[in-house]
Amino acid sequence: MKKAVNHPYEKLLKAMSLTVTDDGRNWHGLSFSNTDQLLDVWNAMSRRSKSKLVSDSRWNHYPLMSYTKTSRKRFGVLIDMIVRSSLNQQNEDSLRPLVNNSTGIWAVFMLDNAPSSARLKIAKRLRKSSDTRVRARCSKILPVSLLHSMLDDKHYSVRASAMRRIGIDNCYQAYLPSSLDVSRKKHDWWWQSWLSKQAISLAEPEELAFLVDQAKSLDLETGNLDSIDALLGALISRMTPEDALFLMNLKDAGSGVSRALEQKLKHT
């Protein structure tokens, strides 16, 4: 379905295309000159037009910078310039739309440069943004009481930031594995495995009972247990010696399991 025409969006895009791309490339991407007209177009817009412009969903995932002169989305540094100019001028007709309506790249630059009160307001508004860059910044700004929903975020950087700020002691239940069967299909499986180990080390015995039952049913002869060696070793270290005795058939499953069983049964 074709997106409805957003006249302020089209107007600013046209003004951006009239700027001059300077020769040479910097580490921060393309640079532009002849930008005064662009700022004039932005400043001349009404508050309502600016709100409509910066809330357009096409700004989600828009690159912060570009190194390609012919790219249709090469204007990230110009948007940064507009945001910084608006913050410097402290003009309510510019700041209010940026605080209340910005999305995507506009929100990213506001979250990077605005004062604390504005950052908090934007972060609360956009903590469920479809733009990962925005959610990642929100996870570093929001009060801890609002971060728990981000522990289930689909992107690793957001989950990791939320977990670090909350502290794993306060959220380990979210990372207890539902099964000892660890899938390595996800690119961040190693991070999930590490979190699961930490959660097991912090959990109460009753919270681990279902994993202990799974461990007792494992059989070294029925498959390769290398993928769960570290996880199973962490679980054994939390078992009672009596429960650990049921796993003696797994003593050769891997170094983690072998070491954990040895330590657990050493003084039994």
C-alpha atoms as a PDB file:
ATOM      1  CA  MET A   1       0.000   0.000   0.000  1.00  0.00           C
ATOM      2  CA  LYS A   2       1.410   3.365  -1.077  1.00  0.00           C
ATOM      3  CA  LYS A   3       2.214   5.708   1.797  1.00  0.00           C
ATOM      4  CA  ALA A   4       0.130   8.880   2.005  1.00  0.00           C
ATOM      5  CA  VAL A   5       1.827  12.060   0.851  1.00  0.00           C
ATOM      6  CA  ASN A   6       3.503  13.931   3.702  1.00  0.00           C
ATOM      7  CA  HIS A   7       4.041  17.433   2.338  1.00  0.00           C
ATOM      8  CA  PRO A   8       6.415  18.651   5.092  1.00  0.00           C
ATOM      9  CA  TYR A   9       8.483  15.472   4.598  1.00  0.00           C
ATOM     10  CA  GLU A  10       8.666  16.045   0.837  1.00  0.00           C
ATOM     11  CA  LYS A  11       9.472  19.718   1.325  1.00  0.00           C
ATOM     12  CA  LEU A  12      12.417  19.052   3.642  1.00  0.00           C
ATOM     13  CA  LEU A  13      13.669  16.216   1.455  1.00  0.00           C
ATOM     14  CA  LYS A  14      13.715  18.584  -1.529  1.00  0.00           C
ATOM     15  CA  ALA A  15      15.633  21.199   0.486  1.00  0.00           C
ATOM     16  CA  MET A  16      18.154  18.531   1.509  1.00  0.00           C
ATOM     17  CA  SER A  17      18.689  17.522  -2.108  1.00  0.00           C
ATOM     18  CA  LEU A  18      19.609  21.133  -2.962  1.00  0.00           C
ATOM     19  CA  THR A  19      22.577  21.126  -0.594  1.00  0.00           C
ATOM     20  CA  VAL A  20      26.052  20.542  -2.007  1.00  0.00           C
ATOM     21  CA  THR A  21      27.939  17.369  -1.151  1.00  0.00           C
ATOM     22  CA  ASP A  22      31.550  18.325  -0.464  1.00  0.00           C
ATOM     23  CA  ASP A  23      34.404  16.451  -2.090  1.00  0.00           C
ATOM     24  CA  GLY A  24      36.355  14.040   0.046  1.00  0.00           C
ATOM     25  CA  ARG A  25      35.188  11.723   2.787  1.00  0.00           C
ATOM     26  CA  ASN A  26      35.543  12.059   6.518  1.00  0.00           C
ATOM     27  CA  TRP A  27      35.433   9.311   9.120  1.00  0.00           C
ATOM     28  CA  HIS A  28      31.951  10.554  10.034  1.00  0.00           C
ATOM     29  CA  GLY A  29      30.666  10.247   6.464  1.00  0.00           C
ATOM     30  CA  LEU A  30      29.661  12.808   3.860  1.00  0.00           C
ATOM     31  CA  SER A  31      29.735  16.521   4.605  1.00  0.00           C
ATOM     32  CA  PHE A  32      27.540  19.181   3.031  1.00  0.00           C
ATOM     33  CA  SER A  33      27.667  22.900   2.269  1.00  0.00           C
ATOM     34  CA  ASN A  34      25.001  25.391   1.196  1.00  0.00           C
ATOM     35  CA  THR A  35      22.922  24.344   4.202  1.00  0.00           C
ATOM     36  CA  ASP A  36      21.517  27.765   5.149  1.00  0.00           C
ATOM     37  CA  GLN A  37      18.515  27.317   2.872  1.00  0.00           C
ATOM     38  CA  LEU A  38      17.761  23.961   4.514  1.00  0.00           C
ATOM     39  CA  LEU A  39      17.708  25.536   7.978  1.00  0.00           C
ATOM     40  CA  ASP A  40      15.502  28.336   6.641  1.00  0.00           C
ATOM     41  CA  VAL A  41      12.997  25.781   5.324  1.00  0.00           C
ATOM     42  CA  TRP A  42      12.941  23.986   8.692  1.00  0.00           C
ATOM     43  CA  ASN A  43      12.610  27.184  10.734  1.00  0.00           C
ATOM     44  CA  ALA A  44       9.818  28.486   8.495  1.00  0.00           C
ATOM     45  CA  MET A  45       7.652  25.403   9.081  1.00  0.00           C
ATOM     46  CA  SER A  46       4.807  25.602  11.537  1.00  0.00           C
ATOM     47  CA  ARG A  47       4.864  23.515  14.705  1.00  0.00           C
ATOM     48  CA  ARG A  48       2.191  21.267  13.196  1.00  0.00           C
ATOM     49  CA  SER A  49       4.209  20.729  10.002  1.00  0.00           C
ATOM     50  CA  LYS A  50       7.323  19.869  11.975  1.00  0.00           C
ATOM     51  CA  SER A  51       5.348  17.379  14.036  1.00  0.00           C
ATOM     52  CA  LYS A  52       4.060  15.704  10.883  1.00  0.00           C
ATOM     53  CA  LEU A  53       7.531  15.705   9.366  1.00  0.00           C
ATOM     54  CA  VAL A  54       9.494  14.161  12.236  1.00  0.00           C
ATOM     55  CA  SER A  55       6.839  11.527  13.037  1.00  0.00           C
ATOM     56  CA  ASP A  56       6.910   9.955   9.571  1.00  0.00           C
ATOM     57  CA  SER A  57       7.719   6.240   9.866  1.00  0.00           C
ATOM     58  CA  ARG A  58      10.172   6.497   6.960  1.00  0.00           C
ATOM     59  CA  TRP A  59      12.686   7.951   9.403  1.00  0.00           C
ATOM     60  CA  ASN A  60      12.886   4.597  11.197  1.00  0.00           C
ATOM     61  CA  HIS A  61      16.176   2.853  10.365  1.00  0.00           C
ATOM     62  CA  TYR A  62      17.317   5.898   8.351  1.00  0.00           C
ATOM     63  CA  PRO A  63      21.169   5.824   8.359  1.00  0.00           C
ATOM     64  CA  LEU A  64      22.875   8.191  10.789  1.00  0.00           C
ATOM     65  CA  MET A  65      25.544   8.826   8.171  1.00  0.00           C
ATOM     66  CA  SER A  66      26.395   7.861   4.619  1.00  0.00           C
ATOM     67  CA  TYR A  67      29.576   7.581   2.586  1.00  0.00           C
ATOM     68  CA  THR A  68      27.805   7.401  -0.781  1.00  0.00           C
ATOM     69  CA  LYS A  69      26.993  10.625  -2.611  1.00  0.00           C
ATOM     70  CA  THR A  70      24.268   9.013  -4.678  1.00  0.00           C
ATOM     71  CA  SER A  71      22.441   7.325  -1.799  1.00  0.00           C
ATOM     72  CA  ARG A  72      18.802   8.344  -1.419  1.00  0.00           C
ATOM     73  CA  LYS A  73      19.340   8.252   2.341  1.00  0.00           C
ATOM     74  CA  ARG A  74      22.558  10.233   2.577  1.00  0.00           C
ATOM     75  CA  PHE A  75      21.263  13.126   4.689  1.00  0.00           C
ATOM     76  CA  GLY A  76      21.774  11.834   8.233  1.00  0.00           C
ATOM     77  CA  VAL A  77      24.340  14.498   9.121  1.00  0.00           C
ATOM     78  CA  LEU A  78      21.936  17.204   7.936  1.00  0.00           C
ATOM     79  CA  ILE A  79      19.236  15.925  10.267  1.00  0.00           C
ATOM     80  CA  ASP A  80      21.798  15.956  13.077  1.00  0.00           C
ATOM     81  CA  MET A  81      22.564  19.577  12.159  1.00  0.00           C
ATOM     82  CA  ILE A  82      18.871  20.542  12.287  1.00  0.00           C
ATOM     83  CA  VAL A  83      18.412  18.879  15.675  1.00  0.00           C
ATOM     84  CA  ARG A  84      21.501  20.556  17.147  1.00  0.00           C
ATOM     85  CA  SER A  85      20.448  23.928  15.726  1.00  0.00           C
ATOM     86  CA  SER A  86      16.983  23.561  17.266  1.00  0.00           C
ATOM     87  CA  LEU A  87      18.475  22.666  20.642  1.00  0.00           C
ATOM     88  CA  ASN A  88      20.829  25.659  20.472  1.00  0.00           C
ATOM     89  CA  GLN A  89      18.035  28.076  19.546  1.00  0.00           C
ATOM     90  CA  GLN A  90      15.728  26.672  22.267  1.00  0.00           C
ATOM     91  CA  ASN A  91      12.755  27.524  20.080  1.00  0.00           C
ATOM     92  CA  GLU A  92       9.581  25.875  21.375  1.00  0.00           C
ATOM     93  CA  ASP A  93       8.129  25.619  17.859  1.00  0.00           C
ATOM     94  CA  SER A  94      11.019  23.320  16.999  1.00  0.00           C
ATOM     95  CA  LEU A  95      11.697  21.602  20.303  1.00  0.00           C
ATOM     96  CA  ARG A  96       8.142  20.558  21.140  1.00  0.00           C
ATOM     97  CA  PRO A  97       7.653  18.540  17.908  1.00  0.00           C
ATOM     98  CA  LEU A  98      11.070  16.948  18.378  1.00  0.00           C
ATOM     99  CA  VAL A  99      10.277  15.938  21.956  1.00  0.00           C
ATOM    100  CA  ASN A 100       6.648  14.899  21.438  1.00  0.00           C
ATOM    101  CA  ASN A 101       6.641  13.495  17.902  1.00  0.00           C
ATOM    102  CA  SER A 102      10.142  12.572  16.699  1.00  0.00           C
ATOM    103  CA  THR A 103      10.769   9.036  15.538  1.00  0.00           C
ATOM    104  CA  GLY A 104      13.641   7.117  13.970  1.00  0.00           C
ATOM    105  CA  ILE A 105      16.755   9.143  13.229  1.00  0.00           C
ATOM    106  CA  TRP A 106      15.233  12.346  14.654  1.00  0.00           C
ATOM    107  CA  ALA A 107      14.633  10.606  17.970  1.00  0.00           C
ATOM    108  CA  VAL A 108      18.140   9.108  17.934  1.00  0.00           C
ATOM    109  CA  PHE A 109      19.766  12.525  17.673  1.00  0.00           C
ATOM    110  CA  MET A 110      17.445  13.965  20.302  1.00  0.00           C
ATOM    111  CA  LEU A 111      18.233  11.122  22.694  1.00  0.00           C
ATOM    112  CA  ASP A 112      21.935  11.747  22.087  1.00  0.00           C
ATOM    113  CA  ASN A 113      21.898  15.524  22.548  1.00  0.00           C
ATOM    114  CA  ALA A 114      18.816  16.772  24.405  1.00  0.00           C
ATOM    115  CA  PRO A 115      18.682  17.697  28.123  1.00  0.00           C
ATOM    116  CA  SER A 116      17.653  15.028  30.606  1.00  0.00           C
ATOM    117  CA  SER A 117      13.973  15.972  30.922  1.00  0.00           C
ATOM    118  CA  ALA A 118      13.481  15.774  27.147  1.00  0.00           C
ATOM    119  CA  ARG A 119      15.418  12.508  26.908  1.00  0.00           C
ATOM    120  CA  LEU A 120      13.266  10.900  29.590  1.00  0.00           C
ATOM    121  CA  LYS A 121      10.060  12.009  27.904  1.00  0.00           C
ATOM    122  CA  ILE A 122      11.190  10.682  24.519  1.00  0.00           C
ATOM    123  CA  ALA A 123      12.442   7.410  26.019  1.00  0.00           C
ATOM    124  CA  LYS A 124       9.095   6.760  27.755  1.00  0.00           C
ATOM    125  CA  ARG A 125       7.244   7.486  24.517  1.00  0.00           C
ATOM    126  CA  LEU A 126       9.445   5.369  22.259  1.00  0.00           C
ATOM    127  CA  ARG A 127      10.477   2.384  24.386  1.00  0.00           C
ATOM    128  CA  LYS A 128       8.519   0.169  21.957  1.00  0.00           C
ATOM    129  CA  SER A 129       9.837   1.856  18.814  1.00  0.00           C
ATOM    130  CA  SER A 130      10.373  -0.331  15.755  1.00  0.00           C
ATOM    131  CA  ASP A 131      13.834   1.260  15.411  1.00  0.00           C
ATOM    132  CA  THR A 132      16.378  -0.777  17.377  1.00  0.00           C
ATOM    133  CA  ARG A 133      18.699   2.228  17.738  1.00  0.00           C
ATOM    134  CA  VAL A 134      15.958   4.135  19.531  1.00  0.00           C
ATOM    135  CA  ARG A 135      15.056   1.249  21.853  1.00  0.00           C
ATOM    136  CA  ALA A 136      18.737   0.697  22.676  1.00  0.00           C
ATOM    137  CA  ARG A 137      19.063   4.315  23.771  1.00  0.00           C
ATOM    138  CA  CYS A 138      15.807   4.162  25.701  1.00  0.00           C
ATOM    139  CA  SER A 139      17.127   1.158  27.644  1.00  0.00           C
ATOM    140  CA  LYS A 140      20.005   3.323  28.890  1.00  0.00           C
ATOM    141  CA  ILE A 141      17.800   6.260  29.898  1.00  0.00           C
ATOM    142  CA  LEU A 142      14.523   4.913  31.291  1.00  0.00           C
ATOM    143  CA  PRO A 143      14.001   4.472  35.043  1.00  0.00           C
ATOM    144  CA  VAL A 144      14.774   0.914  36.120  1.00  0.00           C
ATOM    145  CA  SER A 145      11.114   0.361  37.020  1.00  0.00           C
ATOM    146  CA  LEU A 146      10.216   0.615  33.317  1.00  0.00           C
ATOM    147  CA  LEU A 147      12.929  -1.672  31.993  1.00  0.00           C
ATOM    148  CA  HIS A 148      11.562  -5.134  32.755  1.00  0.00           C
ATOM    149  CA  SER A 149       9.572  -5.350  29.508  1.00  0.00           C
ATOM    150  CA  MET A 150      12.829  -4.795  27.622  1.00  0.00           C
ATOM    151  CA  LEU A 151      14.298  -8.023  28.970  1.00  0.00           C
ATOM    152  CA  ASP A 152      12.270  -9.763  26.244  1.00  0.00           C
ATOM    153  CA  ASP A 153      13.303  -7.398  23.448  1.00  0.00           C
ATOM    154  CA  LYS A 154      14.082  -9.114  20.160  1.00  0.00           C
ATOM    155  CA  HIS A 155      17.468  -7.404  19.882  1.00  0.00           C
ATOM    156  CA  TYR A 156      20.480  -8.451  21.957  1.00  0.00           C
ATOM    157  CA  SER A 157      21.779  -4.918  22.619  1.00  0.00           C
ATOM    158  CA  VAL A 158      18.495  -3.805  24.159  1.00  0.00           C
ATOM    159  CA  ARG A 159      18.132  -6.904  26.342  1.00  0.00           C
ATOM    160  CA  ALA A 160      21.757  -6.687  27.503  1.00  0.00           C
ATOM    161  CA  SER A 161      21.500  -3.009  28.412  1.00  0.00           C
ATOM    162  CA  ALA A 162      18.267  -3.536  30.347  1.00  0.00           C
ATOM    163  CA  MET A 163      19.708  -6.524  32.210  1.00  0.00           C
ATOM    164  CA  ARG A 164      22.889  -4.670  33.190  1.00  0.00           C
ATOM    165  CA  ARG A 165      20.931  -1.740  34.593  1.00  0.00           C
ATOM    166  CA  ILE A 166      18.364  -3.845  36.450  1.00  0.00           C
ATOM    167  CA  GLY A 167      21.036  -6.229  37.744  1.00  0.00           C
ATOM    168  CA  ILE A 168      20.721  -9.944  37.140  1.00  0.00           C
ATOM    169  CA  ASP A 169      19.944 -10.560  40.838  1.00  0.00           C
ATOM    170  CA  ASN A 170      16.687  -8.700  40.247  1.00  0.00           C
ATOM    171  CA  CYS A 171      15.706 -10.474  37.048  1.00  0.00           C
ATOM    172  CA  TYR A 172      17.424 -13.862  36.932  1.00  0.00           C
ATOM    173  CA  GLN A 173      14.055 -15.661  36.688  1.00  0.00           C
ATOM    174  CA  ALA A 174      13.686 -14.248  33.178  1.00  0.00           C
ATOM    175  CA  TYR A 175      16.826 -16.096  32.108  1.00  0.00           C
ATOM    176  CA  LEU A 176      16.233 -19.499  33.674  1.00  0.00           C
ATOM    177  CA  PRO A 177      16.249 -21.923  30.724  1.00  0.00           C
ATOM    178  CA  SER A 178      13.017 -23.755  30.024  1.00  0.00           C
ATOM    179  CA  SER A 179      15.043 -26.766  28.939  1.00  0.00           C
ATOM    180  CA  LEU A 180      18.589 -28.126  28.994  1.00  0.00           C
ATOM    181  CA  ASP A 181      18.331 -28.501  25.229  1.00  0.00           C
ATOM    182  CA  VAL A 182      20.370 -25.504  24.021  1.00  0.00           C
ATOM    183  CA  SER A 183      19.839 -24.318  20.448  1.00  0.00           C
ATOM    184  CA  ARG A 184      22.813 -22.773  18.660  1.00  0.00           C
ATOM    185  CA  LYS A 185      20.782 -21.488  15.747  1.00  0.00           C
ATOM    186  CA  LYS A 186      20.590 -17.940  17.081  1.00  0.00           C
ATOM    187  CA  HIS A 187      23.682 -15.788  16.569  1.00  0.00           C
ATOM    188  CA  ASP A 188      23.731 -14.799  20.258  1.00  0.00           C
ATOM    189  CA  TRP A 189      23.308 -18.323  21.656  1.00  0.00           C
ATOM    190  CA  TRP A 190      26.554 -17.922  23.626  1.00  0.00           C
ATOM    191  CA  TRP A 191      25.118 -14.866  25.430  1.00  0.00           C
ATOM    192  CA  GLN A 192      21.902 -16.709  26.224  1.00  0.00           C
ATOM    193  CA  SER A 193      23.922 -19.667  27.514  1.00  0.00           C
ATOM    194  CA  TRP A 194      25.978 -17.390  29.777  1.00  0.00           C
ATOM    195  CA  LEU A 195      22.825 -15.745  31.128  1.00  0.00           C
ATOM    196  CA  SER A 196      21.277 -19.146  31.771  1.00  0.00           C
ATOM    197  CA  LYS A 197      24.339 -20.207  33.755  1.00  0.00           C
ATOM    198  CA  GLN A 198      24.179 -17.022  35.824  1.00  0.00           C
ATOM    199  CA  ALA A 199      20.468 -17.516  36.447  1.00  0.00           C
ATOM    200  CA  ILE A 200      21.007 -21.113  37.586  1.00  0.00           C
ATOM    201  CA  SER A 201      23.690 -19.983  40.013  1.00  0.00           C
ATOM    202  CA  LEU A 202      21.279 -17.457  41.565  1.00  0.00           C
ATOM    203  CA  ALA A 203      18.080 -19.499  41.604  1.00  0.00           C
ATOM    204  CA  GLU A 204      16.463 -21.120  44.615  1.00  0.00           C
ATOM    205  CA  PRO A 205      16.447 -24.969  44.695  1.00  0.00           C
ATOM    206  CA  GLU A 206      12.713 -25.169  44.052  1.00  0.00           C
ATOM    207  CA  GLU A 207      13.129 -23.060  40.909  1.00  0.00           C
ATOM    208  CA  LEU A 208      15.568 -25.619  39.521  1.00  0.00           C
ATOM    209  CA  ALA A 209      13.572 -28.752  40.292  1.00  0.00           C
ATOM    210  CA  PHE A 210      12.279 -29.185  36.725  1.00  0.00           C
ATOM    211  CA  LEU A 211      15.809 -28.869  35.304  1.00  0.00           C
ATOM    212  CA  VAL A 212      17.126 -31.391  37.830  1.00  0.00           C
ATOM    213  CA  ASP A 213      14.434 -33.842  36.695  1.00  0.00           C
ATOM    214  CA  GLN A 214      15.486 -33.306  33.070  1.00  0.00           C
ATOM    215  CA  ALA A 215      19.122 -33.882  33.953  1.00  0.00           C
ATOM    216  CA  LYS A 216      18.326 -37.184  35.669  1.00  0.00           C
ATOM    217  CA  SER A 217      16.727 -38.454  32.459  1.00  0.00           C
ATOM    218  CA  LEU A 218      19.755 -37.688  30.261  1.00  0.00           C
ATOM    219  CA  ASP A 219      21.709 -40.588  28.832  1.00  0.00           C
ATOM    220  CA  LEU A 220      25.251 -40.253  27.509  1.00  0.00           C
ATOM    221  CA  GLU A 221      24.565 -42.957  24.959  1.00  0.00           C
ATOM    222  CA  THR A 222      21.609 -41.217  23.330  1.00  0.00           C
ATOM    223  CA  GLY A 223      23.351 -38.121  22.027  1.00  0.00           C
ATOM    224  CA  ASN A 224      26.146 -35.591  22.123  1.00  0.00           C
ATOM    225  CA  LEU A 225      25.944 -33.507  25.316  1.00  0.00           C
ATOM    226  CA  ASP A 226      28.804 -31.149  24.446  1.00  0.00           C
ATOM    227  CA  SER A 227      26.412 -28.288  23.731  1.00  0.00           C
ATOM    228  CA  ILE A 228      25.007 -28.353  27.273  1.00  0.00           C
ATOM    229  CA  ASP A 229      28.221 -29.226  29.143  1.00  0.00           C
ATOM    230  CA  ALA A 230      28.626 -25.770  30.732  1.00  0.00           C
ATOM    231  CA  LEU A 231      24.912 -25.441  31.536  1.00  0.00           C
ATOM    232  CA  LEU A 232      24.698 -28.896  33.023  1.00  0.00           C
ATOM    233  CA  GLY A 233      27.863 -28.291  35.040  1.00  0.00           C
ATOM    234  CA  ALA A 234      26.302 -25.140  36.521  1.00  0.00           C
ATOM    235  CA  LEU A 235      23.164 -27.092  37.409  1.00  0.00           C
ATOM    236  CA  ILE A 236      25.117 -29.904  39.081  1.00  0.00           C
ATOM    237  CA  SER A 237      26.891 -27.352  41.270  1.00  0.00           C
ATOM    238  CA  ARG A 238      23.471 -26.343  42.650  1.00  0.00           C
ATOM    239  CA  MET A 239      22.182 -29.875  43.183  1.00  0.00           C
ATOM    240  CA  THR A 240      22.209 -31.776  46.440  1.00  0.00           C
ATOM    241  CA  PRO A 241      24.843 -34.546  46.574  1.00  0.00           C
ATOM    242  CA  GLU A 242      21.999 -37.074  46.563  1.00  0.00           C
ATOM    243  CA  ASP A 243      20.601 -35.722  43.293  1.00  0.00           C
ATOM    244  CA  ALA A 244      24.088 -35.492  41.780  1.00  0.00           C
ATOM    245  CA  LEU A 245      24.569 -39.220  42.335  1.00  0.00           C
ATOM    246  CA  PHE A 246      21.864 -39.852  39.737  1.00  0.00           C
ATOM    247  CA  LEU A 247      24.122 -38.196  37.138  1.00  0.00           C
ATOM    248  CA  MET A 248      27.208 -40.323  37.625  1.00  0.00           C
ATOM    249  CA  ASN A 249      26.502 -41.947  34.254  1.00  0.00           C
ATOM    250  CA  LEU A 250      27.313 -38.526  32.708  1.00  0.00           C
ATOM    251  CA  LYS A 251      30.750 -38.161  34.301  1.00  0.00           C
ATOM    252  CA  ASP A 252      32.393 -38.422  30.860  1.00  0.00           C
ATOM    253  CA  ALA A 253      29.951 -36.086  29.111  1.00  0.00           C
ATOM    254  CA  GLY A 254      32.338 -33.127  29.208  1.00  0.00           C
ATOM    255  CA  SER A 255      34.846 -31.216  31.295  1.00  0.00           C
ATOM    256  CA  GLY A 256      32.202 -28.982  32.881  1.00  0.00           C
ATOM    257  CA  VAL A 257      30.060 -31.897  33.995  1.00  0.00           C
ATOM    258  CA  SER A 258      33.047 -33.975  35.127  1.00  0.00           C
ATOM    259  CA  ARG A 259      34.490 -31.126  37.195  1.00  0.00           C
ATOM    260  CA  ALA A 260      31.145 -30.264  38.771  1.00  0.00           C
ATOM    261  CA  LEU A 261      30.445 -33.886  39.732  1.00  0.00           C
ATOM    262  CA  GLU A 262      33.899 -34.259  41.217  1.00  0.00           C
ATOM    263  CA  GLN A 263      33.484 -31.146  43.351  1.00  0.00           C
ATOM    264  CA  LYS A 264      29.936 -32.011  44.387  1.00  0.00           C
ATOM    265  CA  LEU A 265      30.744 -35.575  45.454  1.00  0.00           C
ATOM    266  CA  LYS A 266      34.196 -34.897  46.887  1.00  0.00           C
ATOM    267  CA  HIS A 267      33.048 -34.815  50.489  1.00  0.00           C
ATOM    268  CA  THR A 268      30.013 -37.054  50.169  1.00  0.00           C
END
